[in-house]
Amino acid sequence: MENINKNQSHLLSGFFIFNSICYTNYMEQVWKHPETREGEVLLRNMKQAEFDQLDFSTKRQGQLSYDGEGHQLSHSDWLPAFLKKDELNNRGIDLQTIRKIL
């Protein structure tokens, strides 16, 4: 952070504030993926090989990927991955933490 000027620092703080609003608590997400089913949460967009390696029994792959503001992405090899909230809770996994790991 030493090489970041005040303007860049302000932009970064805004990004982190936005990120925390959107993802800190998946029960209160600002934007909800239109393919999200009852009791599910969007894990993130990913390629097929990444999805296949997920070790979650409730994983489900969607059809269209979107960015965090609800704009459809043109990456045809990226698809949304959904998980049941109960599986995350039962395994003691925090959504924000697992997103960072993946």
PDB file of N, CA and C in Angstrom:
ATOM      1  N   MET A   1       0.818  -1.195   0.000  1.00  0.00           N
ATOM      2  CA  MET A   1       0.000   0.000   0.000  1.00  0.00           C
ATOM      3  C   MET A   1       0.864   1.261   0.000  1.00  0.00           C
ATOM      4  N   GLU A   2       2.169   1.132   0.200  1.00  0.00           N
ATOM      5  CA  GLU A   2       3.026   2.304   0.252  1.00  0.00           C
ATOM      6  C   GLU A   2       3.050   3.066  -1.063  1.00  0.00           C
ATOM      7  N   ASN A   3       2.957   2.378  -2.181  1.00  0.00           N
ATOM      8  CA  ASN A   3       3.056   3.008  -3.492  1.00  0.00           C
ATOM      9  C   ASN A   3       1.713   3.476  -4.045  1.00  0.00           C
ATOM     10  N   ILE A   4       0.699   3.482  -3.247  1.00  0.00           N
ATOM     11  CA  ILE A   4      -0.626   3.891  -3.697  1.00  0.00           C
ATOM     12  C   ILE A   4      -0.877   5.329  -3.264  1.00  0.00           C
ATOM     13  N   ASN A   5      -1.271   6.189  -4.221  1.00  0.00           N
ATOM     14  CA  ASN A   5      -1.550   7.577  -3.864  1.00  0.00           C
ATOM     15  C   ASN A   5      -2.923   7.683  -3.198  1.00  0.00           C
ATOM     16  N   LYS A   6      -3.278   8.888  -2.722  1.00  0.00           N
ATOM     17  CA  LYS A   6      -4.538   9.072  -1.986  1.00  0.00           C
ATOM     18  C   LYS A   6      -5.749   8.725  -2.839  1.00  0.00           C
ATOM     19  N   ASN A   7      -5.724   9.082  -4.117  1.00  0.00           N
ATOM     20  CA  ASN A   7      -6.849   8.795  -5.003  1.00  0.00           C
ATOM     21  C   ASN A   7      -7.058   7.296  -5.148  1.00  0.00           C
ATOM     22  N   GLN A   8      -5.968   6.569  -5.371  1.00  0.00           N
ATOM     23  CA  GLN A   8      -6.052   5.124  -5.512  1.00  0.00           C
ATOM     24  C   GLN A   8      -6.504   4.491  -4.206  1.00  0.00           C
ATOM     25  N   SER A   9      -6.006   5.021  -3.104  1.00  0.00           N
ATOM     26  CA  SER A   9      -6.384   4.501  -1.797  1.00  0.00           C
ATOM     27  C   SER A   9      -7.885   4.661  -1.573  1.00  0.00           C
ATOM     28  N   HIS A  10      -8.425   5.819  -1.947  1.00  0.00           N
ATOM     29  CA  HIS A  10      -9.863   6.072  -1.806  1.00  0.00           C
ATOM     30  C   HIS A  10     -10.660   5.073  -2.653  1.00  0.00           C
ATOM     31  N   LEU A  11     -10.215   4.835  -3.886  1.00  0.00           N
ATOM     32  CA  LEU A  11     -10.901   3.882  -4.756  1.00  0.00           C
ATOM     33  C   LEU A  11     -10.861   2.477  -4.171  1.00  0.00           C
ATOM     34  N   LEU A  12      -9.699   2.094  -3.639  1.00  0.00           N
ATOM     35  CA  LEU A  12      -9.568   0.771  -3.037  1.00  0.00           C
ATOM     36  C   LEU A  12     -10.487   0.634  -1.831  1.00  0.00           C
ATOM     37  N   SER A  13     -10.553   1.672  -0.980  1.00  0.00           N
ATOM     38  CA  SER A  13     -11.434   1.563   0.177  1.00  0.00           C
ATOM     39  C   SER A  13     -12.879   1.450  -0.255  1.00  0.00           C
ATOM     40  N   GLY A  14     -13.266   2.173  -1.310  1.00  0.00           N
ATOM     41  CA  GLY A  14     -14.621   2.053  -1.825  1.00  0.00           C
ATOM     42  C   GLY A  14     -14.909   0.662  -2.328  1.00  0.00           C
ATOM     43  N   PHE A  15     -13.922   0.082  -2.998  1.00  0.00           N
ATOM     44  CA  PHE A  15     -14.083  -1.285  -3.491  1.00  0.00           C
ATOM     45  C   PHE A  15     -14.286  -2.250  -2.336  1.00  0.00           C
ATOM     46  N   PHE A  16     -13.461  -2.127  -1.300  1.00  0.00           N
ATOM     47  CA  PHE A  16     -13.569  -3.051  -0.171  1.00  0.00           C
ATOM     48  C   PHE A  16     -14.878  -2.852   0.589  1.00  0.00           C
ATOM     49  N   ILE A  17     -15.341  -1.619   0.677  1.00  0.00           N
ATOM     50  CA  ILE A  17     -16.626  -1.379   1.332  1.00  0.00           C
ATOM     51  C   ILE A  17     -17.735  -2.018   0.510  1.00  0.00           C
ATOM     52  N   PHE A  18     -17.720  -1.807  -0.829  1.00  0.00           N
ATOM     53  CA  PHE A  18     -18.732  -2.417  -1.696  1.00  0.00           C
ATOM     54  C   PHE A  18     -18.681  -3.934  -1.583  1.00  0.00           C
ATOM     55  N   ASN A  19     -17.475  -4.483  -1.620  1.00  0.00           N
ATOM     56  CA  ASN A  19     -17.296  -5.931  -1.547  1.00  0.00           C
ATOM     57  C   ASN A  19     -17.863  -6.469  -0.236  1.00  0.00           C
ATOM     58  N   SER A  20     -17.616  -5.772   0.858  1.00  0.00           N
ATOM     59  CA  SER A  20     -18.118  -6.269   2.136  1.00  0.00           C
ATOM     60  C   SER A  20     -19.632  -6.147   2.223  1.00  0.00           C
ATOM     61  N   ILE A  21     -20.205  -5.117   1.618  1.00  0.00           N
ATOM     62  CA  ILE A  21     -21.663  -4.990   1.613  1.00  0.00           C
ATOM     63  C   ILE A  21     -22.279  -6.136   0.828  1.00  0.00           C
ATOM     64  N   CYS A  22     -21.694  -6.463  -0.328  1.00  0.00           N
ATOM     65  CA  CYS A  22     -22.260  -7.501  -1.191  1.00  0.00           C
ATOM     66  C   CYS A  22     -22.069  -8.901  -0.633  1.00  0.00           C
ATOM     67  N   TYR A  23     -20.942  -9.167   0.023  1.00  0.00           N
ATOM     68  CA  TYR A  23     -20.611 -10.546   0.313  1.00  0.00           C
ATOM     69  C   TYR A  23     -20.437 -10.911   1.783  1.00  0.00           C
ATOM     70  N   THR A  24     -20.434  -9.973   2.685  1.00  0.00           N
ATOM     71  CA  THR A  24     -20.185 -10.317   4.074  1.00  0.00           C
ATOM     72  C   THR A  24     -21.211 -11.306   4.601  1.00  0.00           C
ATOM     73  N   ASN A  25     -22.463 -11.068   4.305  1.00  0.00           N
ATOM     74  CA  ASN A  25     -23.520 -11.951   4.786  1.00  0.00           C
ATOM     75  C   ASN A  25     -24.382 -12.341   3.602  1.00  0.00           C
ATOM     76  N   TYR A  26     -24.285 -13.595   3.179  1.00  0.00           N
ATOM     77  CA  TYR A  26     -25.015 -14.006   1.981  1.00  0.00           C
ATOM     78  C   TYR A  26     -26.519 -13.922   2.156  1.00  0.00           C
ATOM     79  N   MET A  27     -26.996 -13.788   3.378  1.00  0.00           N
ATOM     80  CA  MET A  27     -28.437 -13.642   3.604  1.00  0.00           C
ATOM     81  C   MET A  27     -28.895 -12.239   3.190  1.00  0.00           C
ATOM     82  N   GLU A  28     -27.958 -11.292   3.087  1.00  0.00           N
ATOM     83  CA  GLU A  28     -28.319  -9.909   2.795  1.00  0.00           C
ATOM     84  C   GLU A  28     -27.575  -9.394   1.570  1.00  0.00           C
ATOM     85  N   GLN A  29     -27.371 -10.220   0.566  1.00  0.00           N
ATOM     86  CA  GLN A  29     -26.673  -9.776  -0.624  1.00  0.00           C
ATOM     87  C   GLN A  29     -27.436  -8.642  -1.297  1.00  0.00           C
ATOM     88  N   VAL A  30     -26.692  -7.709  -1.871  1.00  0.00           N
ATOM     89  CA  VAL A  30     -27.293  -6.583  -2.566  1.00  0.00           C
ATOM     90  C   VAL A  30     -27.926  -7.059  -3.877  1.00  0.00           C
ATOM     91  N   TRP A  31     -27.239  -7.891  -4.629  1.00  0.00           N
ATOM     92  CA  TRP A  31     -27.736  -8.399  -5.905  1.00  0.00           C
ATOM     93  C   TRP A  31     -27.842  -9.912  -5.819  1.00  0.00           C
ATOM     94  N   LYS A  32     -28.934 -10.449  -6.335  1.00  0.00           N
ATOM     95  CA  LYS A  32     -29.145 -11.893  -6.293  1.00  0.00           C
ATOM     96  C   LYS A  32     -29.166 -12.441  -7.714  1.00  0.00           C
ATOM     97  N   HIS A  33     -28.355 -13.451  -7.967  1.00  0.00           N
ATOM     98  CA  HIS A  33     -28.299 -14.085  -9.285  1.00  0.00           C
ATOM     99  C   HIS A  33     -29.694 -14.621  -9.625  1.00  0.00           C
ATOM    100  N   PRO A  34     -30.187 -14.368 -10.839  1.00  0.00           N
ATOM    101  CA  PRO A  34     -31.556 -14.792 -11.182  1.00  0.00           C
ATOM    102  C   PRO A  34     -31.782 -16.305 -11.186  1.00  0.00           C
ATOM    103  N   GLU A  35     -30.726 -17.100 -11.254  1.00  0.00           N
ATOM    104  CA  GLU A  35     -30.881 -18.555 -11.240  1.00  0.00           C
ATOM    105  C   GLU A  35     -30.818 -19.149  -9.832  1.00  0.00           C
ATOM    106  N   THR A  36     -30.605 -18.308  -8.823  1.00  0.00           N
ATOM    107  CA  THR A  36     -30.523 -18.788  -7.448  1.00  0.00           C
ATOM    108  C   THR A  36     -31.871 -19.359  -7.011  1.00  0.00           C
ATOM    109  N   ARG A  37     -31.845 -20.570  -6.502  1.00  0.00           N
ATOM    110  CA  ARG A  37     -33.067 -21.224  -6.015  1.00  0.00           C
ATOM    111  C   ARG A  37     -33.208 -21.012  -4.514  1.00  0.00           C
ATOM    112  N   GLU A  38     -34.380 -21.309  -4.024  1.00  0.00           N
ATOM    113  CA  GLU A  38     -34.668 -21.199  -2.586  1.00  0.00           C
ATOM    114  C   GLU A  38     -33.619 -21.965  -1.786  1.00  0.00           C
ATOM    115  N   GLY A  39     -33.027 -21.309  -0.785  1.00  0.00           N
ATOM    116  CA  GLY A  39     -32.064 -21.954   0.102  1.00  0.00           C
ATOM    117  C   GLY A  39     -30.661 -22.063  -0.460  1.00  0.00           C
ATOM    118  N   GLU A  40     -30.413 -21.441  -1.606  1.00  0.00           N
ATOM    119  CA  GLU A  40     -29.090 -21.507  -2.219  1.00  0.00           C
ATOM    120  C   GLU A  40     -28.375 -20.171  -2.133  1.00  0.00           C
ATOM    121  N   VAL A  41     -27.076 -20.229  -2.386  1.00  0.00           N
ATOM    122  CA  VAL A  41     -26.249 -19.041  -2.490  1.00  0.00           C
ATOM    123  C   VAL A  41     -25.321 -19.237  -3.685  1.00  0.00           C
ATOM    124  N   LEU A  42     -25.032 -18.147  -4.367  1.00  0.00           N
ATOM    125  CA  LEU A  42     -24.068 -18.196  -5.463  1.00  0.00           C
ATOM    126  C   LEU A  42     -22.676 -18.271  -4.875  1.00  0.00           C
ATOM    127  N   LEU A  43     -21.943 -19.310  -5.202  1.00  0.00           N
ATOM    128  CA  LEU A  43     -20.552 -19.405  -4.757  1.00  0.00           C
ATOM    129  C   LEU A  43     -19.705 -18.443  -5.581  1.00  0.00           C
ATOM    130  N   ARG A  44     -19.665 -18.640  -6.881  1.00  0.00           N
ATOM    131  CA  ARG A  44     -19.009 -17.732  -7.825  1.00  0.00           C
ATOM    132  C   ARG A  44     -19.089 -18.335  -9.215  1.00  0.00           C
ATOM    133  N   ASN A  45     -18.676 -17.569 -10.220  1.00  0.00           N
ATOM    134  CA  ASN A  45     -18.561 -18.073 -11.576  1.00  0.00           C
ATOM    135  C   ASN A  45     -17.253 -18.838 -11.693  1.00  0.00           C
ATOM    136  N   MET A  46     -17.267 -19.948 -12.445  1.00  0.00           N
ATOM    137  CA  MET A  46     -16.056 -20.749 -12.583  1.00  0.00           C
ATOM    138  C   MET A  46     -16.115 -21.606 -13.837  1.00  0.00           C
ATOM    139  N   LYS A  47     -14.964 -22.116 -14.205  1.00  0.00           N
ATOM    140  CA  LYS A  47     -14.870 -23.020 -15.348  1.00  0.00           C
ATOM    141  C   LYS A  47     -15.317 -24.420 -14.929  1.00  0.00           C
ATOM    142  N   GLN A  48     -15.656 -25.239 -15.918  1.00  0.00           N
ATOM    143  CA  GLN A  48     -16.163 -26.590 -15.672  1.00  0.00           C
ATOM    144  C   GLN A  48     -15.207 -27.416 -14.815  1.00  0.00           C
ATOM    145  N   ALA A  49     -13.917 -27.358 -15.101  1.00  0.00           N
ATOM    146  CA  ALA A  49     -12.936 -28.154 -14.348  1.00  0.00           C
ATOM    147  C   ALA A  49     -12.930 -27.775 -12.871  1.00  0.00           C
ATOM    148  N   GLU A  50     -13.076 -26.488 -12.569  1.00  0.00           N
ATOM    149  CA  GLU A  50     -13.138 -26.039 -11.171  1.00  0.00           C
ATOM    150  C   GLU A  50     -14.408 -26.559 -10.504  1.00  0.00           C
ATOM    151  N   PHE A  51     -15.519 -26.463 -11.212  1.00  0.00           N
ATOM    152  CA  PHE A  51     -16.800 -26.937 -10.682  1.00  0.00           C
ATOM    153  C   PHE A  51     -16.726 -28.431 -10.359  1.00  0.00           C
ATOM    154  N   ASP A  52     -16.147 -29.202 -11.275  1.00  0.00           N
ATOM    155  CA  ASP A  52     -16.035 -30.648 -11.081  1.00  0.00           C
ATOM    156  C   ASP A  52     -15.233 -31.010  -9.836  1.00  0.00           C
ATOM    157  N   GLN A  53     -14.298 -30.159  -9.441  1.00  0.00           N
ATOM    158  CA  GLN A  53     -13.448 -30.428  -8.280  1.00  0.00           C
ATOM    159  C   GLN A  53     -14.070 -29.992  -6.951  1.00  0.00           C
ATOM    160  N   LEU A  54     -15.174 -29.264  -6.990  1.00  0.00           N
ATOM    161  CA  LEU A  54     -15.821 -28.813  -5.745  1.00  0.00           C
ATOM    162  C   LEU A  54     -16.308 -30.009  -4.934  1.00  0.00           C
ATOM    163  N   ASP A  55     -15.981 -30.002  -3.651  1.00  0.00           N
ATOM    164  CA  ASP A  55     -16.364 -31.097  -2.761  1.00  0.00           C
ATOM    165  C   ASP A  55     -17.589 -30.706  -1.929  1.00  0.00           C
ATOM    166  N   PHE A  56     -18.696 -30.454  -2.627  1.00  0.00           N
ATOM    167  CA  PHE A  56     -19.949 -30.102  -1.973  1.00  0.00           C
ATOM    168  C   PHE A  56     -21.052 -30.966  -2.575  1.00  0.00           C
ATOM    169  N   SER A  57     -21.830 -31.605  -1.732  1.00  0.00           N
ATOM    170  CA  SER A  57     -22.883 -32.498  -2.239  1.00  0.00           C
ATOM    171  C   SER A  57     -24.050 -31.735  -2.851  1.00  0.00           C
ATOM    172  N   THR A  58     -24.218 -30.477  -2.463  1.00  0.00           N
ATOM    173  CA  THR A  58     -25.365 -29.702  -2.958  1.00  0.00           C
ATOM    174  C   THR A  58     -24.996 -28.766  -4.104  1.00  0.00           C
ATOM    175  N   LYS A  59     -23.806 -28.907  -4.658  1.00  0.00           N
ATOM    176  CA  LYS A  59     -23.401 -27.997  -5.733  1.00  0.00           C
ATOM    177  C   LYS A  59     -24.316 -28.158  -6.945  1.00  0.00           C
ATOM    178  N   ARG A  60     -24.545 -27.033  -7.620  1.00  0.00           N
ATOM    179  CA  ARG A  60     -25.365 -27.017  -8.820  1.00  0.00           C
ATOM    180  C   ARG A  60     -24.802 -25.970  -9.758  1.00  0.00           C
ATOM    181  N   GLN A  61     -24.743 -26.301 -11.024  1.00  0.00           N
ATOM    182  CA  GLN A  61     -24.204 -25.373 -12.005  1.00  0.00           C
ATOM    183  C   GLN A  61     -25.335 -24.667 -12.745  1.00  0.00           C
ATOM    184  N   GLY A  62     -25.188 -23.347 -12.884  1.00  0.00           N
ATOM    185  CA  GLY A  62     -26.172 -22.563 -13.617  1.00  0.00           C
ATOM    186  C   GLY A  62     -25.797 -22.428 -15.083  1.00  0.00           C
ATOM    187  N   GLN A  63     -26.552 -21.605 -15.784  1.00  0.00           N
ATOM    188  CA  GLN A  63     -26.372 -21.451 -17.233  1.00  0.00           C
ATOM    189  C   GLN A  63     -25.695 -20.150 -17.654  1.00  0.00           C
ATOM    190  N   LEU A  64     -25.953 -19.044 -16.944  1.00  0.00           N
ATOM    191  CA  LEU A  64     -25.442 -17.732 -17.345  1.00  0.00           C
ATOM    192  C   LEU A  64     -24.665 -17.081 -16.210  1.00  0.00           C
ATOM    193  N   SER A  65     -23.499 -16.541 -16.526  1.00  0.00           N
ATOM    194  CA  SER A  65     -22.707 -15.867 -15.497  1.00  0.00           C
ATOM    195  C   SER A  65     -22.952 -14.355 -15.552  1.00  0.00           C
ATOM    196  N   TYR A  66     -22.935 -13.750 -14.368  1.00  0.00           N
ATOM    197  CA  TYR A  66     -23.146 -12.317 -14.217  1.00  0.00           C
ATOM    198  C   TYR A  66     -22.057 -11.756 -13.322  1.00  0.00           C
ATOM    199  N   ASP A  67     -21.802 -10.438 -13.461  1.00  0.00           N
ATOM    200  CA  ASP A  67     -20.881  -9.792 -12.539  1.00  0.00           C
ATOM    201  C   ASP A  67     -21.652  -9.398 -11.278  1.00  0.00           C
ATOM    202  N   GLY A  68     -20.979  -8.783 -10.323  1.00  0.00           N
ATOM    203  CA  GLY A  68     -21.587  -8.426  -9.041  1.00  0.00           C
ATOM    204  C   GLY A  68     -22.668  -7.370  -9.114  1.00  0.00           C
ATOM    205  N   GLU A  69     -22.789  -6.701 -10.261  1.00  0.00           N
ATOM    206  CA  GLU A  69     -23.814  -5.671 -10.421  1.00  0.00           C
ATOM    207  C   GLU A  69     -24.986  -6.156 -11.269  1.00  0.00           C
ATOM    208  N   GLY A  70     -24.958  -7.432 -11.665  1.00  0.00           N
ATOM    209  CA  GLY A  70     -26.070  -7.993 -12.413  1.00  0.00           C
ATOM    210  C   GLY A  70     -25.954  -7.916 -13.921  1.00  0.00           C
ATOM    211  N   HIS A  71     -24.770  -7.599 -14.433  1.00  0.00           N
ATOM    212  CA  HIS A  71     -24.562  -7.555 -15.878  1.00  0.00           C
ATOM    213  C   HIS A  71     -24.080  -8.921 -16.365  1.00  0.00           C
ATOM    214  N   GLN A  72     -24.726  -9.431 -17.406  1.00  0.00           N
ATOM    215  CA  GLN A  72     -24.347 -10.739 -17.940  1.00  0.00           C
ATOM    216  C   GLN A  72     -22.943 -10.666 -18.534  1.00  0.00           C
ATOM    217  N   LEU A  73     -22.144 -11.702 -18.249  1.00  0.00           N
ATOM    218  CA  LEU A  73     -20.778 -11.780 -18.754  1.00  0.00           C
ATOM    219  C   LEU A  73     -20.748 -12.558 -20.062  1.00  0.00           C
ATOM    220  N   SER A  74     -19.780 -12.248 -20.898  1.00  0.00           N
ATOM    221  CA  SER A  74     -19.687 -12.916 -22.196  1.00  0.00           C
ATOM    222  C   SER A  74     -18.720 -14.096 -22.179  1.00  0.00           C
ATOM    223  N   HIS A  75     -18.232 -14.473 -21.008  1.00  0.00           N
ATOM    224  CA  HIS A  75     -17.301 -15.601 -20.899  1.00  0.00           C
ATOM    225  C   HIS A  75     -18.095 -16.903 -20.979  1.00  0.00           C
ATOM    226  N   SER A  76     -18.125 -17.521 -22.158  1.00  0.00           N
ATOM    227  CA  SER A  76     -18.943 -18.724 -22.331  1.00  0.00           C
ATOM    228  C   SER A  76     -18.411 -19.923 -21.553  1.00  0.00           C
ATOM    229  N   ASP A  77     -17.139 -19.878 -21.168  1.00  0.00           N
ATOM    230  CA  ASP A  77     -16.573 -20.998 -20.410  1.00  0.00           C
ATOM    231  C   ASP A  77     -16.697 -20.804 -18.899  1.00  0.00           C
ATOM    232  N   TRP A  78     -17.299 -19.719 -18.449  1.00  0.00           N
ATOM    233  CA  TRP A  78     -17.551 -19.471 -17.027  1.00  0.00           C
ATOM    234  C   TRP A  78     -19.035 -19.662 -16.765  1.00  0.00           C
ATOM    235  N   LEU A  79     -19.344 -20.464 -15.762  1.00  0.00           N
ATOM    236  CA  LEU A  79     -20.737 -20.679 -15.380  1.00  0.00           C
ATOM    237  C   LEU A  79     -20.872 -20.503 -13.864  1.00  0.00           C
ATOM    238  N   PRO A  80     -22.045 -20.086 -13.402  1.00  0.00           N
ATOM    239  CA  PRO A  80     -22.232 -19.897 -11.965  1.00  0.00           C
ATOM    240  C   PRO A  80     -22.335 -21.232 -11.231  1.00  0.00           C
ATOM    241  N   ALA A  81     -21.772 -21.257 -10.033  1.00  0.00           N
ATOM    242  CA  ALA A  81     -21.864 -22.434  -9.160  1.00  0.00           C
ATOM    243  C   ALA A  81     -22.668 -22.028  -7.928  1.00  0.00           C
ATOM    244  N   PHE A  82     -23.668 -22.828  -7.616  1.00  0.00           N
ATOM    245  CA  PHE A  82     -24.543 -22.574  -6.466  1.00  0.00           C
ATOM    246  C   PHE A  82     -24.372 -23.682  -5.435  1.00  0.00           C
ATOM    247  N   LEU A  83     -24.564 -23.327  -4.173  1.00  0.00           N
ATOM    248  CA  LEU A  83     -24.531 -24.282  -3.062  1.00  0.00           C
ATOM    249  C   LEU A  83     -25.721 -24.016  -2.158  1.00  0.00           C
ATOM    250  N   LYS A  84     -26.153 -25.040  -1.458  1.00  0.00           N
ATOM    251  CA  LYS A  84     -27.199 -24.863  -0.444  1.00  0.00           C
ATOM    252  C   LYS A  84     -26.586 -24.170   0.779  1.00  0.00           C
ATOM    253  N   LYS A  85     -27.278 -23.181   1.299  1.00  0.00           N
ATOM    254  CA  LYS A  85     -26.814 -22.468   2.490  1.00  0.00           C
ATOM    255  C   LYS A  85     -26.637 -23.429   3.666  1.00  0.00           C
ATOM    256  N   ASP A  86     -27.538 -24.410   3.777  1.00  0.00           N
ATOM    257  CA  ASP A  86     -27.466 -25.360   4.888  1.00  0.00           C
ATOM    258  C   ASP A  86     -26.155 -26.138   4.884  1.00  0.00           C
ATOM    259  N   GLU A  87     -25.674 -26.510   3.701  1.00  0.00           N
ATOM    260  CA  GLU A  87     -24.414 -27.255   3.651  1.00  0.00           C
ATOM    261  C   GLU A  87     -23.258 -26.398   4.152  1.00  0.00           C
ATOM    262  N   LEU A  88     -23.235 -25.125   3.753  1.00  0.00           N
ATOM    263  CA  LEU A  88     -22.189 -24.229   4.252  1.00  0.00           C
ATOM    264  C   LEU A  88     -22.284 -24.096   5.769  1.00  0.00           C
ATOM    265  N   ASN A  89     -23.492 -23.853   6.267  1.00  0.00           N
ATOM    266  CA  ASN A  89     -23.688 -23.692   7.708  1.00  0.00           C
ATOM    267  C   ASN A  89     -23.315 -24.956   8.472  1.00  0.00           C
ATOM    268  N   ASN A  90     -23.766 -26.122   7.988  1.00  0.00           N
ATOM    269  CA  ASN A  90     -23.488 -27.390   8.673  1.00  0.00           C
ATOM    270  C   ASN A  90     -22.001 -27.723   8.699  1.00  0.00           C
ATOM    271  N   ARG A  91     -21.285 -27.284   7.697  1.00  0.00           N
ATOM    272  CA  ARG A  91     -19.846 -27.546   7.645  1.00  0.00           C
ATOM    273  C   ARG A  91     -19.041 -26.414   8.269  1.00  0.00           C
ATOM    274  N   GLY A  92     -19.720 -25.373   8.753  1.00  0.00           N
ATOM    275  CA  GLY A  92     -19.040 -24.252   9.403  1.00  0.00           C
ATOM    276  C   GLY A  92     -18.189 -23.442   8.448  1.00  0.00           C
ATOM    277  N   ILE A  93     -18.647 -23.325   7.209  1.00  0.00           N
ATOM    278  CA  ILE A  93     -17.876 -22.618   6.188  1.00  0.00           C
ATOM    279  C   ILE A  93     -18.485 -21.246   5.939  1.00  0.00           C
ATOM    280  N   ASP A  94     -17.643 -20.227   6.004  1.00  0.00           N
ATOM    281  CA  ASP A  94     -18.054 -18.855   5.737  1.00  0.00           C
ATOM    282  C   ASP A  94     -17.970 -18.604   4.232  1.00  0.00           C
ATOM    283  N   LEU A  95     -19.029 -18.061   3.637  1.00  0.00           N
ATOM    284  CA  LEU A  95     -19.086 -17.854   2.192  1.00  0.00           C
ATOM    285  C   LEU A  95     -17.949 -16.969   1.698  1.00  0.00           C
ATOM    286  N   GLN A  96     -17.706 -15.864   2.368  1.00  0.00           N
ATOM    287  CA  GLN A  96     -16.652 -14.946   1.938  1.00  0.00           C
ATOM    288  C   GLN A  96     -15.288 -15.629   1.975  1.00  0.00           C
ATOM    289  N   THR A  97     -15.038 -16.433   2.977  1.00  0.00           N
ATOM    290  CA  THR A  97     -13.766 -17.134   3.104  1.00  0.00           C
ATOM    291  C   THR A  97     -13.580 -18.139   1.980  1.00  0.00           C
ATOM    292  N   ILE A  98     -14.599 -18.931   1.678  1.00  0.00           N
ATOM    293  CA  ILE A  98     -14.475 -19.940   0.631  1.00  0.00           C
ATOM    294  C   ILE A  98     -14.310 -19.268  -0.732  1.00  0.00           C
ATOM    295  N   ARG A  99     -14.933 -18.133  -0.949  1.00  0.00           N
ATOM    296  CA  ARG A  99     -14.747 -17.415  -2.218  1.00  0.00           C
ATOM    297  C   ARG A  99     -13.306 -16.969  -2.384  1.00  0.00           C
ATOM    298  N   LYS A 100     -12.680 -16.526  -1.309  1.00  0.00           N
ATOM    299  CA  LYS A 100     -11.277 -16.102  -1.391  1.00  0.00           C
ATOM    300  C   LYS A 100     -10.350 -17.270  -1.683  1.00  0.00           C
ATOM    301  N   ILE A 101     -10.658 -18.415  -1.118  1.00  0.00           N
ATOM    302  CA  ILE A 101      -9.823 -19.617  -1.306  1.00  0.00           C
ATOM    303  C   ILE A 101      -9.903 -20.102  -2.744  1.00  0.00           C
ATOM    304  N   LEU A 102     -11.120 -20.075  -3.293  1.00  0.00           N
ATOM    305  CA  LEU A 102     -11.313 -20.558  -4.647  1.00  0.00           C
ATOM    306  C   LEU A 102     -10.883 -19.512  -5.608  1.00  0.00           C
TER     307      LEU A 102
END
